């Protein structure tokens, strides 16, 4: 279950990166 959750998070993260690179950078620092 955790692996599936992680995959979903990665997909969401990727889509956010495509929409707003600045927000992507903030997320990367927050990880």
PDB file of N, CA and C in Angstrom:
ATOM      1  N   UNK A   1       0.850  -1.209   0.000  1.00  0.00           N
ATOM      2  CA  UNK A   1       0.000   0.000   0.000  1.00  0.00           C
ATOM      3  C   UNK A   1       0.887   1.261   0.000  1.00  0.00           C
ATOM      4  N   UNK A   2       1.936   1.221   0.768  1.00  0.00           N
ATOM      5  CA  UNK A   2       2.802   2.399   0.844  1.00  0.00           C
ATOM      6  C   UNK A   2       3.435   2.710  -0.509  1.00  0.00           C
ATOM      7  N   UNK A   3       3.844   1.655  -1.222  1.00  0.00           N
ATOM      8  CA  UNK A   3       4.461   1.864  -2.536  1.00  0.00           C
ATOM      9  C   UNK A   3       3.481   2.555  -3.477  1.00  0.00           C
ATOM     10  N   UNK A   4       2.225   2.127  -3.464  1.00  0.00           N
ATOM     11  CA  UNK A   4       1.202   2.740  -4.306  1.00  0.00           C
ATOM     12  C   UNK A   4       1.051   4.216  -3.928  1.00  0.00           C
ATOM     13  N   UNK A   5       1.032   4.482  -2.624  1.00  0.00           N
ATOM     14  CA  UNK A   5       0.896   5.855  -2.145  1.00  0.00           C
ATOM     15  C   UNK A   5       2.057   6.705  -2.656  1.00  0.00           C
ATOM     16  N   UNK A   6       3.255   6.153  -2.542  1.00  0.00           N
ATOM     17  CA  UNK A   6       4.443   6.881  -2.991  1.00  0.00           C
ATOM     18  C   UNK A   6       4.354   7.181  -4.479  1.00  0.00           C
ATOM     19  N   UNK A   7       3.935   6.202  -5.260  1.00  0.00           N
ATOM     20  CA  UNK A   7       3.802   6.416  -6.711  1.00  0.00           C
ATOM     21  C   UNK A   7       2.828   7.550  -6.983  1.00  0.00           C
ATOM     22  N   UNK A   8       1.713   7.573  -6.274  1.00  0.00           N
ATOM     23  CA  UNK A   8       0.723   8.630  -6.458  1.00  0.00           C
ATOM     24  C   UNK A   8       1.310   9.990  -6.126  1.00  0.00           C
ATOM     25  N   UNK A   9       2.092  10.026  -5.047  1.00  0.00           N
ATOM     26  CA  UNK A   9       2.717  11.286  -4.647  1.00  0.00           C
ATOM     27  C   UNK A   9       3.703  11.762  -5.706  1.00  0.00           C
ATOM     28  N   UNK A  10       4.455  10.815  -6.264  1.00  0.00           N
ATOM     29  CA  UNK A  10       5.434  11.166  -7.301  1.00  0.00           C
ATOM     30  C   UNK A  10       4.712  11.731  -8.523  1.00  0.00           C
ATOM     31  N   UNK A  11       3.605  11.095  -8.907  1.00  0.00           N
ATOM     32  CA  UNK A  11       2.836  11.571 -10.064  1.00  0.00           C
ATOM     33  C   UNK A  11       2.326  12.979  -9.793  1.00  0.00           C
ATOM     34  N   UNK A  12       1.808  13.205  -8.602  1.00  0.00           N
ATOM     35  CA  UNK A  12       1.300  14.526  -8.236  1.00  0.00           C
ATOM     36  C   UNK A  12       2.441  15.537  -8.256  1.00  0.00           C
ATOM     37  N   UNK A  13       3.574  15.135  -7.686  1.00  0.00           N
ATOM     38  CA  UNK A  13       4.755  16.000  -7.642  1.00  0.00           C
ATOM     39  C   UNK A  13       5.185  16.391  -9.052  1.00  0.00           C
ATOM     40  N   UNK A  14       5.202  15.406  -9.957  1.00  0.00           N
ATOM     41  CA  UNK A  14       5.617  15.657 -11.342  1.00  0.00           C
ATOM     42  C   UNK A  14       4.666  16.641 -12.013  1.00  0.00           C
ATOM     43  N   UNK A  15       3.364  16.447 -11.828  1.00  0.00           N
ATOM     44  CA  UNK A  15       2.379  17.329 -12.462  1.00  0.00           C
ATOM     45  C   UNK A  15       2.520  18.749 -11.922  1.00  0.00           C
ATOM     46  N   UNK A  16       2.796  18.867 -10.630  1.00  0.00           N
ATOM     47  CA  UNK A  16       2.983  20.193 -10.024  1.00  0.00           C
ATOM     48  C   UNK A  16       4.221  20.853 -10.618  1.00  0.00           C
ATOM     49  N   UNK A  17       5.280  20.064 -10.815  1.00  0.00           N
ATOM     50  CA  UNK A  17       6.519  20.601 -11.397  1.00  0.00           C
ATOM     51  C   UNK A  17       6.234  21.185 -12.774  1.00  0.00           C
ATOM     52  N   UNK A  18       5.425  20.487 -13.549  1.00  0.00           N
ATOM     53  CA  UNK A  18       5.108  20.948 -14.903  1.00  0.00           C
ATOM     54  C   UNK A  18       4.288  22.233 -14.854  1.00  0.00           C
ATOM     55  N   UNK A  19       3.419  22.358 -13.848  1.00  0.00           N
ATOM     56  CA  UNK A  19       2.542  23.536 -13.759  1.00  0.00           C
ATOM     57  C   UNK A  19       3.306  24.752 -13.244  1.00  0.00           C
ATOM     58  N   UNK A  20       4.085  24.567 -12.178  1.00  0.00           N
ATOM     59  CA  UNK A  20       4.807  25.700 -11.600  1.00  0.00           C
ATOM     60  C   UNK A  20       6.165  25.279 -11.071  1.00  0.00           C
ATOM     61  N   UNK A  21       7.215  25.654 -11.792  1.00  0.00           N
ATOM     62  CA  UNK A  21       8.558  25.219 -11.408  1.00  0.00           C
ATOM     63  C   UNK A  21       8.971  25.796 -10.054  1.00  0.00           C
ATOM     64  N   UNK A  22       8.552  27.017  -9.767  1.00  0.00           N
ATOM     65  CA  UNK A  22       8.908  27.625  -8.480  1.00  0.00           C
ATOM     66  C   UNK A  22       8.338  26.797  -7.340  1.00  0.00           C
ATOM     67  N   UNK A  23       7.076  26.384  -7.475  1.00  0.00           N
ATOM     68  CA  UNK A  23       6.432  25.579  -6.439  1.00  0.00           C
ATOM     69  C   UNK A  23       7.136  24.234  -6.323  1.00  0.00           C
ATOM     70  N   UNK A  24       7.599  23.710  -7.465  1.00  0.00           N
ATOM     71  CA  UNK A  24       8.317  22.437  -7.497  1.00  0.00           C
ATOM     72  C   UNK A  24       9.585  22.557  -6.669  1.00  0.00           C
ATOM     73  N   UNK A  25      10.301  23.663  -6.811  1.00  0.00           N
ATOM     74  CA  UNK A  25      11.548  23.886  -6.072  1.00  0.00           C
ATOM     75  C   UNK A  25      11.240  23.930  -4.575  1.00  0.00           C
ATOM     76  N   UNK A  26      10.157  24.589  -4.204  1.00  0.00           N
ATOM     77  CA  UNK A  26       9.771  24.689  -2.796  1.00  0.00           C
ATOM     78  C   UNK A  26       9.481  23.302  -2.244  1.00  0.00           C
ATOM     79  N   UNK A  27       8.782  22.485  -3.032  1.00  0.00           N
ATOM     80  CA  UNK A  27       8.460  21.128  -2.595  1.00  0.00           C
ATOM     81  C   UNK A  27       9.728  20.313  -2.435  1.00  0.00           C
ATOM     82  N   UNK A  28      10.661  20.449  -3.353  1.00  0.00           N
ATOM     83  CA  UNK A  28      11.914  19.696  -3.295  1.00  0.00           C
ATOM     84  C   UNK A  28      12.661  20.041  -2.016  1.00  0.00           C
ATOM     85  N   UNK A  29      12.707  21.316  -1.653  1.00  0.00           N
ATOM     86  CA  UNK A  29      13.407  21.732  -0.436  1.00  0.00           C
ATOM     87  C   UNK A  29      12.683  21.206   0.796  1.00  0.00           C
ATOM     88  N   UNK A  30      11.344  21.100   0.692  1.00  0.00           N
ATOM     89  CA  UNK A  30      10.546  20.660   1.837  1.00  0.00           C
ATOM     90  C   UNK A  30      10.623  19.156   2.072  1.00  0.00           C
ATOM     91  N   UNK A  31      11.048  18.397   1.048  1.00  0.00           N
ATOM     92  CA  UNK A  31      11.101  16.943   1.202  1.00  0.00           C
ATOM     93  C   UNK A  31      12.160  16.551   2.207  1.00  0.00           C
TER      94      UNK A  31
END
